[in-house]
Amino acid sequence: MQWDSGEDRTETDVAVDAITSAPSAASDDVNENDVGSRSPVQRTGPRKNRSVVWKCFRKVIGTNYAECLFCGVHISQENGTTTCLMKHFMAKHPDVYAMQLEYRSESVSSVMTIDYL
């Protein structure tokens, strides 16, 4: 497939770049001691997109559609959820989805490793 930059890259190359370059949800700074001490604060900015599908889709501005970065298909987000996006991702790009799950489990296991002595 020919990409915008003029280079020949496979879908897998693009998937690896998307997965490894985007920060994972497991890397969010969370301190267990702060969980109960946080005061409710309203955010003034937009909501953070935490779903894994946002590494493989981009929102189409001015619509309720998202575009798949691998095949270019536009999928409706009529209810504002990522369910349809995830179903497309799992059905049409299962190899990329498997890589993403593997990458996330490695990230979570590295964050969750605690030595009990």
PDB file of N, CA and C in Angstrom:
ATOM      1  N   MET A   1       0.845  -1.178   0.000  1.00  0.00           N
ATOM      2  CA  MET A   1       0.000   0.000   0.000  1.00  0.00           C
ATOM      3  C   MET A   1       0.889   1.240   0.000  1.00  0.00           C
ATOM      4  N   GLN A   2       0.531   2.217  -0.772  1.00  0.00           N
ATOM      5  CA  GLN A   2       1.271   3.467  -0.861  1.00  0.00           C
ATOM      6  C   GLN A   2       0.699   4.449   0.148  1.00  0.00           C
ATOM      7  N   TRP A   3       1.522   5.009   1.010  1.00  0.00           N
ATOM      8  CA  TRP A   3       1.079   5.941   2.048  1.00  0.00           C
ATOM      9  C   TRP A   3       1.400   7.367   1.630  1.00  0.00           C
ATOM     10  N   ASP A   4       0.887   8.329   2.405  1.00  0.00           N
ATOM     11  CA  ASP A   4       1.063   9.748   2.087  1.00  0.00           C
ATOM     12  C   ASP A   4       2.530  10.127   1.938  1.00  0.00           C
ATOM     13  N   SER A   5       3.394   9.516   2.721  1.00  0.00           N
ATOM     14  CA  SER A   5       4.805   9.879   2.682  1.00  0.00           C
ATOM     15  C   SER A   5       5.522   9.294   1.470  1.00  0.00           C
ATOM     16  N   GLY A   6       4.814   8.479   0.653  1.00  0.00           N
ATOM     17  CA  GLY A   6       5.404   7.934  -0.546  1.00  0.00           C
ATOM     18  C   GLY A   6       6.092   6.602  -0.340  1.00  0.00           C
ATOM     19  N   GLU A   7       6.151   6.111   0.901  1.00  0.00           N
ATOM     20  CA  GLU A   7       6.833   4.857   1.154  1.00  0.00           C
ATOM     21  C   GLU A   7       5.857   3.688   1.141  1.00  0.00           C
ATOM     22  N   ASP A   8       6.358   2.516   0.806  1.00  0.00           N
ATOM     23  CA  ASP A   8       5.546   1.302   0.809  1.00  0.00           C
ATOM     24  C   ASP A   8       5.579   0.698   2.202  1.00  0.00           C
ATOM     25  N   ARG A   9       4.414   0.591   2.833  1.00  0.00           N
ATOM     26  CA  ARG A   9       4.321   0.023   4.176  1.00  0.00           C
ATOM     27  C   ARG A   9       3.135  -0.917   4.209  1.00  0.00           C
ATOM     28  N   THR A  10       3.258  -1.962   4.979  1.00  0.00           N
ATOM     29  CA  THR A  10       2.157  -2.902   5.132  1.00  0.00           C
ATOM     30  C   THR A  10       1.248  -2.446   6.263  1.00  0.00           C
ATOM     31  N   GLU A  11       0.081  -3.040   6.322  1.00  0.00           N
ATOM     32  CA  GLU A  11      -0.863  -2.737   7.410  1.00  0.00           C
ATOM     33  C   GLU A  11      -0.233  -3.063   8.758  1.00  0.00           C
ATOM     34  N   THR A  12       0.563  -4.111   8.810  1.00  0.00           N
ATOM     35  CA  THR A  12       1.222  -4.500  10.052  1.00  0.00           C
ATOM     36  C   THR A  12       2.235  -3.452  10.482  1.00  0.00           C
ATOM     37  N   ASP A  13       2.979  -2.873   9.529  1.00  0.00           N
ATOM     38  CA  ASP A  13       3.932  -1.812   9.861  1.00  0.00           C
ATOM     39  C   ASP A  13       3.225  -0.624  10.502  1.00  0.00           C
ATOM     40  N   VAL A  14       2.106  -0.239   9.932  1.00  0.00           N
ATOM     41  CA  VAL A  14       1.339   0.882  10.456  1.00  0.00           C
ATOM     42  C   VAL A  14       0.805   0.541  11.844  1.00  0.00           C
ATOM     43  N   ALA A  15       0.333  -0.698  12.021  1.00  0.00           N
ATOM     44  CA  ALA A  15      -0.209  -1.129  13.311  1.00  0.00           C
ATOM     45  C   ALA A  15       0.857  -1.095  14.398  1.00  0.00           C
ATOM     46  N   VAL A  16       2.031  -1.597  14.085  1.00  0.00           N
ATOM     47  CA  VAL A  16       3.120  -1.600  15.068  1.00  0.00           C
ATOM     48  C   VAL A  16       3.473  -0.177  15.465  1.00  0.00           C
ATOM     49  N   ASP A  17       3.556   0.721  14.500  1.00  0.00           N
ATOM     50  CA  ASP A  17       3.849   2.123  14.800  1.00  0.00           C
ATOM     51  C   ASP A  17       2.768   2.745  15.683  1.00  0.00           C
ATOM     52  N   ALA A  18       1.496   2.477  15.368  1.00  0.00           N
ATOM     53  CA  ALA A  18       0.391   3.051  16.137  1.00  0.00           C
ATOM     54  C   ALA A  18       0.381   2.516  17.560  1.00  0.00           C
ATOM     55  N   ILE A  19       0.647   1.243  17.718  1.00  0.00           N
ATOM     56  CA  ILE A  19       0.591   0.622  19.034  1.00  0.00           C
ATOM     57  C   ILE A  19       1.749   1.061  19.907  1.00  0.00           C
ATOM     58  N   THR A  20       2.933   1.108  19.345  1.00  0.00           N
ATOM     59  CA  THR A  20       4.108   1.421  20.156  1.00  0.00           C
ATOM     60  C   THR A  20       4.309   2.913  20.382  1.00  0.00           C
ATOM     61  N   SER A  21       3.768   3.764  19.517  1.00  0.00           N
ATOM     62  CA  SER A  21       3.997   5.194  19.682  1.00  0.00           C
ATOM     63  C   SER A  21       2.983   5.869  20.595  1.00  0.00           C
ATOM     64  N   ALA A  22       1.774   5.338  20.696  1.00  0.00           N
ATOM     65  CA  ALA A  22       0.743   5.952  21.535  1.00  0.00           C
ATOM     66  C   ALA A  22       0.897   5.491  22.972  1.00  0.00           C
ATOM     67  N   PRO A  23       0.727   6.406  23.938  1.00  0.00           N
ATOM     68  CA  PRO A  23       0.816   6.000  25.342  1.00  0.00           C
ATOM     69  C   PRO A  23      -0.340   5.092  25.708  1.00  0.00           C
ATOM     70  N   SER A  24      -0.070   4.084  26.514  1.00  0.00           N
ATOM     71  CA  SER A  24      -1.121   3.150  26.913  1.00  0.00           C
ATOM     72  C   SER A  24      -1.876   3.675  28.113  1.00  0.00           C
ATOM     73  N   ALA A  25      -3.079   3.163  28.305  1.00  0.00           N
ATOM     74  CA  ALA A  25      -3.887   3.548  29.460  1.00  0.00           C
ATOM     75  C   ALA A  25      -3.241   3.078  30.745  1.00  0.00           C
ATOM     76  N   ALA A  26      -2.427   2.015  30.682  1.00  0.00           N
ATOM     77  CA  ALA A  26      -1.766   1.500  31.878  1.00  0.00           C
ATOM     78  C   ALA A  26      -0.674   2.428  32.364  1.00  0.00           C
ATOM     79  N   SER A  27      -0.202   3.336  31.517  1.00  0.00           N
ATOM     80  CA  SER A  27       0.882   4.211  31.918  1.00  0.00           C
ATOM     81  C   SER A  27       0.400   5.505  32.560  1.00  0.00           C
ATOM     82  N   ASP A  28      -0.916   5.651  32.759  1.00  0.00           N
ATOM     83  CA  ASP A  28      -1.424   6.830  33.446  1.00  0.00           C
ATOM     84  C   ASP A  28      -0.868   6.879  34.854  1.00  0.00           C
ATOM     85  N   ASP A  29      -0.530   8.067  35.321  1.00  0.00           N
ATOM     86  CA  ASP A  29       0.007   8.210  36.665  1.00  0.00           C
ATOM     87  C   ASP A  29      -1.104   8.071  37.678  1.00  0.00           C
ATOM     88  N   VAL A  30      -1.081   6.978  38.425  1.00  0.00           N
ATOM     89  CA  VAL A  30      -2.067   6.743  39.459  1.00  0.00           C
ATOM     90  C   VAL A  30      -1.323   6.357  40.714  1.00  0.00           C
ATOM     91  N   ASN A  31      -1.588   7.067  41.768  1.00  0.00           N
ATOM     92  CA  ASN A  31      -0.992   6.763  43.050  1.00  0.00           C
ATOM     93  C   ASN A  31      -2.091   6.213  43.940  1.00  0.00           C
ATOM     94  N   GLU A  32      -1.891   4.995  44.474  1.00  0.00           N
ATOM     95  CA  GLU A  32      -2.927   4.360  45.277  1.00  0.00           C
ATOM     96  C   GLU A  32      -3.290   5.198  46.496  1.00  0.00           C
ATOM     97  N   ASN A  33      -2.348   5.948  47.050  1.00  0.00           N
ATOM     98  CA  ASN A  33      -2.610   6.747  48.241  1.00  0.00           C
ATOM     99  C   ASN A  33      -3.502   7.947  47.950  1.00  0.00           C
ATOM    100  N   ASP A  34      -3.530   8.393  46.696  1.00  0.00           N
ATOM    101  CA  ASP A  34      -4.297   9.582  46.337  1.00  0.00           C
ATOM    102  C   ASP A  34      -5.745   9.281  45.974  1.00  0.00           C
ATOM    103  N   VAL A  35      -6.094   8.026  45.801  1.00  0.00           N
ATOM    104  CA  VAL A  35      -7.417   7.681  45.290  1.00  0.00           C
ATOM    105  C   VAL A  35      -8.521   8.239  46.181  1.00  0.00           C
ATOM    106  N   GLY A  36      -8.431   8.059  47.479  1.00  0.00           N
ATOM    107  CA  GLY A  36      -9.474   8.534  48.380  1.00  0.00           C
ATOM    108  C   GLY A  36      -9.374  10.006  48.703  1.00  0.00           C
ATOM    109  N   SER A  37      -8.236  10.616  48.459  1.00  0.00           N
ATOM    110  CA  SER A  37      -8.045  12.003  48.860  1.00  0.00           C
ATOM    111  C   SER A  37      -8.362  13.011  47.762  1.00  0.00           C
ATOM    112  N   ARG A  38      -8.742  12.564  46.599  1.00  0.00           N
ATOM    113  CA  ARG A  38      -9.051  13.490  45.507  1.00  0.00           C
ATOM    114  C   ARG A  38     -10.389  14.167  45.760  1.00  0.00           C
ATOM    115  N   SER A  39     -10.419  15.438  45.511  1.00  0.00           N
ATOM    116  CA  SER A  39     -11.687  16.147  45.606  1.00  0.00           C
ATOM    117  C   SER A  39     -12.304  16.178  44.214  1.00  0.00           C
ATOM    118  N   PRO A  40     -13.628  16.142  44.134  1.00  0.00           N
ATOM    119  CA  PRO A  40     -14.256  16.161  42.812  1.00  0.00           C
ATOM    120  C   PRO A  40     -13.980  17.487  42.105  1.00  0.00           C
ATOM    121  N   VAL A  41     -13.415  17.378  40.924  1.00  0.00           N
ATOM    122  CA  VAL A  41     -13.071  18.564  40.142  1.00  0.00           C
ATOM    123  C   VAL A  41     -13.675  18.395  38.758  1.00  0.00           C
ATOM    124  N   GLN A  42     -14.337  19.430  38.289  1.00  0.00           N
ATOM    125  CA  GLN A  42     -14.883  19.365  36.946  1.00  0.00           C
ATOM    126  C   GLN A  42     -13.803  19.731  35.952  1.00  0.00           C
ATOM    127  N   ARG A  43     -13.734  18.949  34.906  1.00  0.00           N
ATOM    128  CA  ARG A  43     -12.762  19.224  33.858  1.00  0.00           C
ATOM    129  C   ARG A  43     -13.336  20.242  32.899  1.00  0.00           C
ATOM    130  N   THR A  44     -12.475  21.110  32.440  1.00  0.00           N
ATOM    131  CA  THR A  44     -12.935  22.120  31.488  1.00  0.00           C
ATOM    132  C   THR A  44     -12.638  21.711  30.056  1.00  0.00           C
ATOM    133  N   GLY A  45     -11.723  20.775  29.859  1.00  0.00           N
ATOM    134  CA  GLY A  45     -11.353  20.345  28.515  1.00  0.00           C
ATOM    135  C   GLY A  45     -12.161  19.155  28.052  1.00  0.00           C
ATOM    136  N   PRO A  46     -11.884  18.689  26.855  1.00  0.00           N
ATOM    137  CA  PRO A  46     -12.606  17.533  26.321  1.00  0.00           C
ATOM    138  C   PRO A  46     -12.212  16.254  27.057  1.00  0.00           C
ATOM    139  N   ARG A  47     -13.083  15.250  26.963  1.00  0.00           N
ATOM    140  CA  ARG A  47     -12.831  13.960  27.585  1.00  0.00           C
ATOM    141  C   ARG A  47     -11.648  13.268  26.933  1.00  0.00           C
ATOM    142  N   LYS A  48     -10.905  12.521  27.736  1.00  0.00           N
ATOM    143  CA  LYS A  48      -9.773  11.771  27.227  1.00  0.00           C
ATOM    144  C   LYS A  48     -10.286  10.474  26.591  1.00  0.00           C
ATOM    145  N   ASN A  49      -9.833  10.195  25.387  1.00  0.00           N
ATOM    146  CA  ASN A  49     -10.210   8.957  24.707  1.00  0.00           C
ATOM    147  C   ASN A  49      -9.308   7.838  25.205  1.00  0.00           C
ATOM    148  N   ARG A  50      -9.849   6.950  26.030  1.00  0.00           N
ATOM    149  CA  ARG A  50      -9.047   5.889  26.627  1.00  0.00           C
ATOM    150  C   ARG A  50      -9.138   4.562  25.894  1.00  0.00           C
ATOM    151  N   SER A  51     -10.076   4.408  25.016  1.00  0.00           N
ATOM    152  CA  SER A  51     -10.261   3.130  24.328  1.00  0.00           C
ATOM    153  C   SER A  51      -9.094   2.844  23.395  1.00  0.00           C
ATOM    154  N   VAL A  52      -8.760   1.561  23.304  1.00  0.00           N
ATOM    155  CA  VAL A  52      -7.687   1.119  22.430  1.00  0.00           C
ATOM    156  C   VAL A  52      -8.001   1.423  20.960  1.00  0.00           C
ATOM    157  N   VAL A  53      -9.273   1.512  20.605  1.00  0.00           N
ATOM    158  CA  VAL A  53      -9.626   1.738  19.201  1.00  0.00           C
ATOM    159  C   VAL A  53      -9.159   3.095  18.696  1.00  0.00           C
ATOM    160  N   TRP A  54      -8.927   4.052  19.572  1.00  0.00           N
ATOM    161  CA  TRP A  54      -8.510   5.371  19.106  1.00  0.00           C
ATOM    162  C   TRP A  54      -7.078   5.392  18.600  1.00  0.00           C
ATOM    163  N   LYS A  55      -6.354   4.270  18.785  1.00  0.00           N
ATOM    164  CA  LYS A  55      -5.028   4.159  18.170  1.00  0.00           C
ATOM    165  C   LYS A  55      -5.159   3.751  16.703  1.00  0.00           C
ATOM    166  N   CYS A  56      -6.353   3.297  16.320  1.00  0.00           N
ATOM    167  CA  CYS A  56      -6.576   2.792  14.965  1.00  0.00           C
ATOM    168  C   CYS A  56      -7.676   3.532  14.217  1.00  0.00           C
ATOM    169  N   PHE A  57      -8.309   4.501  14.868  1.00  0.00           N
ATOM    170  CA  PHE A  57      -9.358   5.306  14.240  1.00  0.00           C
ATOM    171  C   PHE A  57      -9.080   6.772  14.522  1.00  0.00           C
ATOM    172  N   ARG A  58      -9.643   7.614  13.678  1.00  0.00           N
ATOM    173  CA  ARG A  58      -9.614   9.052  13.970  1.00  0.00           C
ATOM    174  C   ARG A  58     -11.015   9.599  13.738  1.00  0.00           C
ATOM    175  N   LYS A  59     -11.383  10.578  14.535  1.00  0.00           N
ATOM    176  CA  LYS A  59     -12.711  11.178  14.404  1.00  0.00           C
ATOM    177  C   LYS A  59     -12.750  12.048  13.158  1.00  0.00           C
ATOM    178  N   VAL A  60     -13.875  11.995  12.470  1.00  0.00           N
ATOM    179  CA  VAL A  60     -14.092  12.863  11.319  1.00  0.00           C
ATOM    180  C   VAL A  60     -14.768  14.119  11.862  1.00  0.00           C
ATOM    181  N   ILE A  61     -14.079  15.223  11.778  1.00  0.00           N
ATOM    182  CA  ILE A  61     -14.538  16.472  12.383  1.00  0.00           C
ATOM    183  C   ILE A  61     -15.857  16.917  11.777  1.00  0.00           C
ATOM    184  N   GLY A  62     -16.782  17.318  12.642  1.00  0.00           N
ATOM    185  CA  GLY A  62     -18.069  17.823  12.200  1.00  0.00           C
ATOM    186  C   GLY A  62     -19.108  16.746  11.943  1.00  0.00           C
ATOM    187  N   THR A  63     -18.754  15.486  12.191  1.00  0.00           N
ATOM    188  CA  THR A  63     -19.698  14.381  11.985  1.00  0.00           C
ATOM    189  C   THR A  63     -19.646  13.467  13.203  1.00  0.00           C
ATOM    190  N   ASN A  64     -20.502  12.454  13.184  1.00  0.00           N
ATOM    191  CA  ASN A  64     -20.433  11.443  14.238  1.00  0.00           C
ATOM    192  C   ASN A  64     -19.810  10.161  13.677  1.00  0.00           C
ATOM    193  N   TYR A  65     -18.842  10.300  12.789  1.00  0.00           N
ATOM    194  CA  TYR A  65     -18.160   9.179  12.170  1.00  0.00           C
ATOM    195  C   TYR A  65     -16.694   9.135  12.599  1.00  0.00           C
ATOM    196  N   ALA A  66     -16.131   7.931  12.546  1.00  0.00           N
ATOM    197  CA  ALA A  66     -14.705   7.728  12.764  1.00  0.00           C
ATOM    198  C   ALA A  66     -14.167   6.964  11.558  1.00  0.00           C
ATOM    199  N   GLU A  67     -12.940   7.265  11.178  1.00  0.00           N
ATOM    200  CA  GLU A  67     -12.321   6.631  10.016  1.00  0.00           C
ATOM    201  C   GLU A  67     -11.253   5.643  10.466  1.00  0.00           C
ATOM    202  N   CYS A  68     -11.323   4.429   9.947  1.00  0.00           N
ATOM    203  CA  CYS A  68     -10.318   3.404  10.236  1.00  0.00           C
ATOM    204  C   CYS A  68      -9.010   3.808   9.557  1.00  0.00           C
ATOM    205  N   LEU A  69      -7.925   3.812  10.307  1.00  0.00           N
ATOM    206  CA  LEU A  69      -6.639   4.215   9.754  1.00  0.00           C
ATOM    207  C   LEU A  69      -6.029   3.147   8.858  1.00  0.00           C
ATOM    208  N   PHE A  70      -6.547   1.925   8.922  1.00  0.00           N
ATOM    209  CA  PHE A  70      -5.994   0.836   8.128  1.00  0.00           C
ATOM    210  C   PHE A  70      -6.698   0.660   6.794  1.00  0.00           C
ATOM    211  N   CYS A  71      -8.039   0.756   6.789  1.00  0.00           N
ATOM    212  CA  CYS A  71      -8.760   0.504   5.537  1.00  0.00           C
ATOM    213  C   CYS A  71      -9.572   1.704   5.058  1.00  0.00           C
ATOM    214  N   GLY A  72      -9.653   2.778   5.842  1.00  0.00           N
ATOM    215  CA  GLY A  72     -10.327   3.995   5.419  1.00  0.00           C
ATOM    216  C   GLY A  72     -11.840   3.979   5.536  1.00  0.00           C
ATOM    217  N   VAL A  73     -12.414   2.919   6.096  1.00  0.00           N
ATOM    218  CA  VAL A  73     -13.862   2.821   6.241  1.00  0.00           C
ATOM    219  C   VAL A  73     -14.348   3.828   7.280  1.00  0.00           C
ATOM    220  N   HIS A  74     -15.472   4.492   6.989  1.00  0.00           N
ATOM    221  CA  HIS A  74     -16.092   5.416   7.942  1.00  0.00           C
ATOM    222  C   HIS A  74     -17.182   4.668   8.694  1.00  0.00           C
ATOM    223  N   ILE A  75     -17.123   4.707  10.017  1.00  0.00           N
ATOM    224  CA  ILE A  75     -18.074   3.992  10.859  1.00  0.00           C
ATOM    225  C   ILE A  75     -18.772   4.993  11.756  1.00  0.00           C
ATOM    226  N   SER A  76     -20.096   4.861  11.835  1.00  0.00           N
ATOM    227  CA  SER A  76     -20.909   5.778  12.628  1.00  0.00           C
ATOM    228  C   SER A  76     -20.727   5.529  14.111  1.00  0.00           C
ATOM    229  N   GLN A  77     -20.716   6.613  14.867  1.00  0.00           N
ATOM    230  CA  GLN A  77     -20.712   6.577  16.323  1.00  0.00           C
ATOM    231  C   GLN A  77     -21.988   7.236  16.795  1.00  0.00           C
ATOM    232  N   GLU A  78     -23.091   6.769  16.297  1.00  0.00           N
ATOM    233  CA  GLU A  78     -24.370   7.411  16.547  1.00  0.00           C
ATOM    234  C   GLU A  78     -24.675   7.568  18.032  1.00  0.00           C
ATOM    235  N   ASN A  79     -24.342   6.554  18.833  1.00  0.00           N
ATOM    236  CA  ASN A  79     -24.600   6.627  20.268  1.00  0.00           C
ATOM    237  C   ASN A  79     -23.435   7.219  21.046  1.00  0.00           C
ATOM    238  N   GLY A  80     -22.369   7.572  20.376  1.00  0.00           N
ATOM    239  CA  GLY A  80     -21.215   8.153  21.037  1.00  0.00           C
ATOM    240  C   GLY A  80     -20.308   7.127  21.700  1.00  0.00           C
ATOM    241  N   THR A  81     -20.525   5.843  21.412  1.00  0.00           N
ATOM    242  CA  THR A  81     -19.692   4.802  22.006  1.00  0.00           C
ATOM    243  C   THR A  81     -18.704   4.267  20.985  1.00  0.00           C
ATOM    244  N   THR A  82     -17.783   3.442  21.446  1.00  0.00           N
ATOM    245  CA  THR A  82     -16.776   2.862  20.560  1.00  0.00           C
ATOM    246  C   THR A  82     -17.078   1.405  20.221  1.00  0.00           C
ATOM    247  N   THR A  83     -18.266   0.920  20.549  1.00  0.00           N
ATOM    248  CA  THR A  83     -18.614  -0.482  20.325  1.00  0.00           C
ATOM    249  C   THR A  83     -18.497  -0.875  18.858  1.00  0.00           C
ATOM    250  N   CYS A  84     -19.076  -0.111  17.968  1.00  0.00           N
ATOM    251  CA  CYS A  84     -19.016  -0.437  16.533  1.00  0.00           C
ATOM    252  C   CYS A  84     -17.581  -0.362  16.016  1.00  0.00           C
ATOM    253  N   LEU A  85     -16.818   0.580  16.531  1.00  0.00           N
ATOM    254  CA  LEU A  85     -15.425   0.697  16.123  1.00  0.00           C
ATOM    255  C   LEU A  85     -14.646  -0.541  16.558  1.00  0.00           C
ATOM    256  N   MET A  86     -14.879  -0.987  17.782  1.00  0.00           N
ATOM    257  CA  MET A  86     -14.186  -2.164  18.300  1.00  0.00           C
ATOM    258  C   MET A  86     -14.583  -3.417  17.513  1.00  0.00           C
ATOM    259  N   LYS A  87     -15.865  -3.539  17.178  1.00  0.00           N
ATOM    260  CA  LYS A  87     -16.318  -4.702  16.403  1.00  0.00           C
ATOM    261  C   LYS A  87     -15.650  -4.721  15.027  1.00  0.00           C
ATOM    262  N   HIS A  88     -15.547  -3.567  14.382  1.00  0.00           N
ATOM    263  CA  HIS A  88     -14.866  -3.486  13.087  1.00  0.00           C
ATOM    264  C   HIS A  88     -13.398  -3.870  13.247  1.00  0.00           C
ATOM    265  N   PHE A  89     -12.755  -3.328  14.247  1.00  0.00           N
ATOM    266  CA  PHE A  89     -11.341  -3.575  14.511  1.00  0.00           C
ATOM    267  C   PHE A  89     -11.076  -5.067  14.716  1.00  0.00           C
ATOM    268  N   MET A  90     -11.908  -5.725  15.527  1.00  0.00           N
ATOM    269  CA  MET A  90     -11.733  -7.149  15.818  1.00  0.00           C
ATOM    270  C   MET A  90     -12.049  -8.024  14.605  1.00  0.00           C
ATOM    271  N   ALA A  91     -13.060  -7.652  13.824  1.00  0.00           N
ATOM    272  CA  ALA A  91     -13.479  -8.483  12.689  1.00  0.00           C
ATOM    273  C   ALA A  91     -12.602  -8.290  11.452  1.00  0.00           C
ATOM    274  N   LYS A  92     -12.256  -7.058  11.147  1.00  0.00           N
ATOM    275  CA  LYS A  92     -11.543  -6.770   9.898  1.00  0.00           C
ATOM    276  C   LYS A  92     -10.026  -6.750  10.036  1.00  0.00           C
ATOM    277  N   HIS A  93      -9.524  -6.546  11.247  1.00  0.00           N
ATOM    278  CA  HIS A  93      -8.081  -6.461  11.467  1.00  0.00           C
ATOM    279  C   HIS A  93      -7.684  -7.305  12.687  1.00  0.00           C
ATOM    280  N   PRO A  94      -8.001  -8.616  12.682  1.00  0.00           N
ATOM    281  CA  PRO A  94      -7.761  -9.444  13.865  1.00  0.00           C
ATOM    282  C   PRO A  94      -6.285  -9.570  14.241  1.00  0.00           C
ATOM    283  N   ASP A  95      -5.393  -9.553  13.260  1.00  0.00           N
ATOM    284  CA  ASP A  95      -3.965  -9.646  13.568  1.00  0.00           C
ATOM    285  C   ASP A  95      -3.474  -8.402  14.301  1.00  0.00           C
ATOM    286  N   VAL A  96      -3.950  -7.251  13.886  1.00  0.00           N
ATOM    287  CA  VAL A  96      -3.578  -5.996  14.540  1.00  0.00           C
ATOM    288  C   VAL A  96      -4.183  -5.957  15.947  1.00  0.00           C
ATOM    289  N   TYR A  97      -5.419  -6.423  16.081  1.00  0.00           N
ATOM    290  CA  TYR A  97      -6.082  -6.468  17.379  1.00  0.00           C
ATOM    291  C   TYR A  97      -5.309  -7.374  18.339  1.00  0.00           C
ATOM    292  N   ALA A  98      -4.854  -8.522  17.858  1.00  0.00           N
ATOM    293  CA  ALA A  98      -4.079  -9.438  18.695  1.00  0.00           C
ATOM    294  C   ALA A  98      -2.770  -8.799  19.145  1.00  0.00           C
ATOM    295  N   MET A  99      -2.119  -8.066  18.241  1.00  0.00           N
ATOM    296  CA  MET A  99      -0.884  -7.367  18.608  1.00  0.00           C
ATOM    297  C   MET A  99      -1.158  -6.325  19.679  1.00  0.00           C
ATOM    298  N   GLN A 100      -2.270  -5.614  19.556  1.00  0.00           N
ATOM    299  CA  GLN A 100      -2.619  -4.582  20.526  1.00  0.00           C
ATOM    300  C   GLN A 100      -2.860  -5.200  21.898  1.00  0.00           C
ATOM    301  N   LEU A 101      -3.577  -6.321  21.950  1.00  0.00           N
ATOM    302  CA  LEU A 101      -3.830  -6.993  23.224  1.00  0.00           C
ATOM    303  C   LEU A 101      -2.525  -7.458  23.856  1.00  0.00           C
ATOM    304  N   GLU A 102      -1.638  -7.984  23.043  1.00  0.00           N
ATOM    305  CA  GLU A 102      -0.341  -8.444  23.540  1.00  0.00           C
ATOM    306  C   GLU A 102       0.458  -7.272  24.102  1.00  0.00           C
ATOM    307  N   TYR A 103       0.467  -6.155  23.398  1.00  0.00           N
ATOM    308  CA  TYR A 103       1.210  -4.971  23.840  1.00  0.00           C
ATOM    309  C   TYR A 103       0.635  -4.429  25.146  1.00  0.00           C
ATOM    310  N   ARG A 104      -0.700  -4.380  25.243  1.00  0.00           N
ATOM    311  CA  ARG A 104      -1.338  -3.882  26.469  1.00  0.00           C
ATOM    312  C   ARG A 104      -1.044  -4.776  27.655  1.00  0.00           C
ATOM    313  N   SER A 105      -1.070  -6.093  27.468  1.00  0.00           N
ATOM    314  CA  SER A 105      -0.821  -7.000  28.586  1.00  0.00           C
ATOM    315  C   SER A 105       0.619  -6.864  29.065  1.00  0.00           C
ATOM    316  N   GLU A 106       1.556  -6.628  28.147  1.00  0.00           N
ATOM    317  CA  GLU A 106       2.945  -6.396  28.547  1.00  0.00           C
ATOM    318  C   GLU A 106       3.068  -5.103  29.331  1.00  0.00           C
ATOM    319  N   SER A 107       2.366  -4.055  28.920  1.00  0.00           N
ATOM    320  CA  SER A 107       2.414  -2.769  29.615  1.00  0.00           C
ATOM    321  C   SER A 107       1.826  -2.888  31.016  1.00  0.00           C
ATOM    322  N   VAL A 108       0.699  -3.567  31.125  1.00  0.00           N
ATOM    323  CA  VAL A 108       0.045  -3.711  32.408  1.00  0.00           C
ATOM    324  C   VAL A 108       0.892  -4.564  33.345  1.00  0.00           C
ATOM    325  N   SER A 109       1.467  -5.642  32.841  1.00  0.00           N
ATOM    326  CA  SER A 109       2.266  -6.500  33.706  1.00  0.00           C
ATOM    327  C   SER A 109       3.518  -5.787  34.186  1.00  0.00           C
ATOM    328  N   SER A 110       4.099  -4.906  33.383  1.00  0.00           N
ATOM    329  CA  SER A 110       5.286  -4.181  33.821  1.00  0.00           C
ATOM    330  C   SER A 110       4.921  -3.128  34.867  1.00  0.00           C
ATOM    331  N   VAL A 111       3.736  -2.566  34.790  1.00  0.00           N
ATOM    332  CA  VAL A 111       3.290  -1.575  35.775  1.00  0.00           C
ATOM    333  C   VAL A 111       2.859  -2.268  37.074  1.00  0.00           C
ATOM    334  N   MET A 112       2.261  -3.442  36.938  1.00  0.00           N
ATOM    335  CA  MET A 112       1.694  -4.132  38.090  1.00  0.00           C
ATOM    336  C   MET A 112       2.719  -4.952  38.863  1.00  0.00           C
ATOM    337  N   THR A 113       3.932  -5.080  38.384  1.00  0.00           N
ATOM    338  CA  THR A 113       4.934  -5.878  39.075  1.00  0.00           C
ATOM    339  C   THR A 113       5.336  -5.183  40.363  1.00  0.00           C
ATOM    340  N   ILE A 114       5.108  -5.868  41.481  1.00  0.00           N
ATOM    341  CA  ILE A 114       5.443  -5.328  42.800  1.00  0.00           C
ATOM    342  C   ILE A 114       6.181  -6.416  43.556  1.00  0.00           C
ATOM    343  N   ASP A 115       7.261  -6.049  44.196  1.00  0.00           N
ATOM    344  CA  ASP A 115       8.015  -7.007  44.992  1.00  0.00           C
ATOM    345  C   ASP A 115       7.483  -6.988  46.414  1.00  0.00           C
ATOM    346  N   TYR A 116       7.068  -8.155  46.867  1.00  0.00           N
ATOM    347  CA  TYR A 116       6.615  -8.298  48.250  1.00  0.00           C
ATOM    348  C   TYR A 116       7.700  -8.997  49.035  1.00  0.00           C
ATOM    349  N   LEU A 117       8.350  -8.304  49.903  1.00  0.00           N
ATOM    350  CA  LEU A 117       9.425  -8.888  50.717  1.00  0.00           C
ATOM    351  C   LEU A 117       9.065  -8.898  52.165  1.00  0.00           C
TER     352      LEU A 117
END
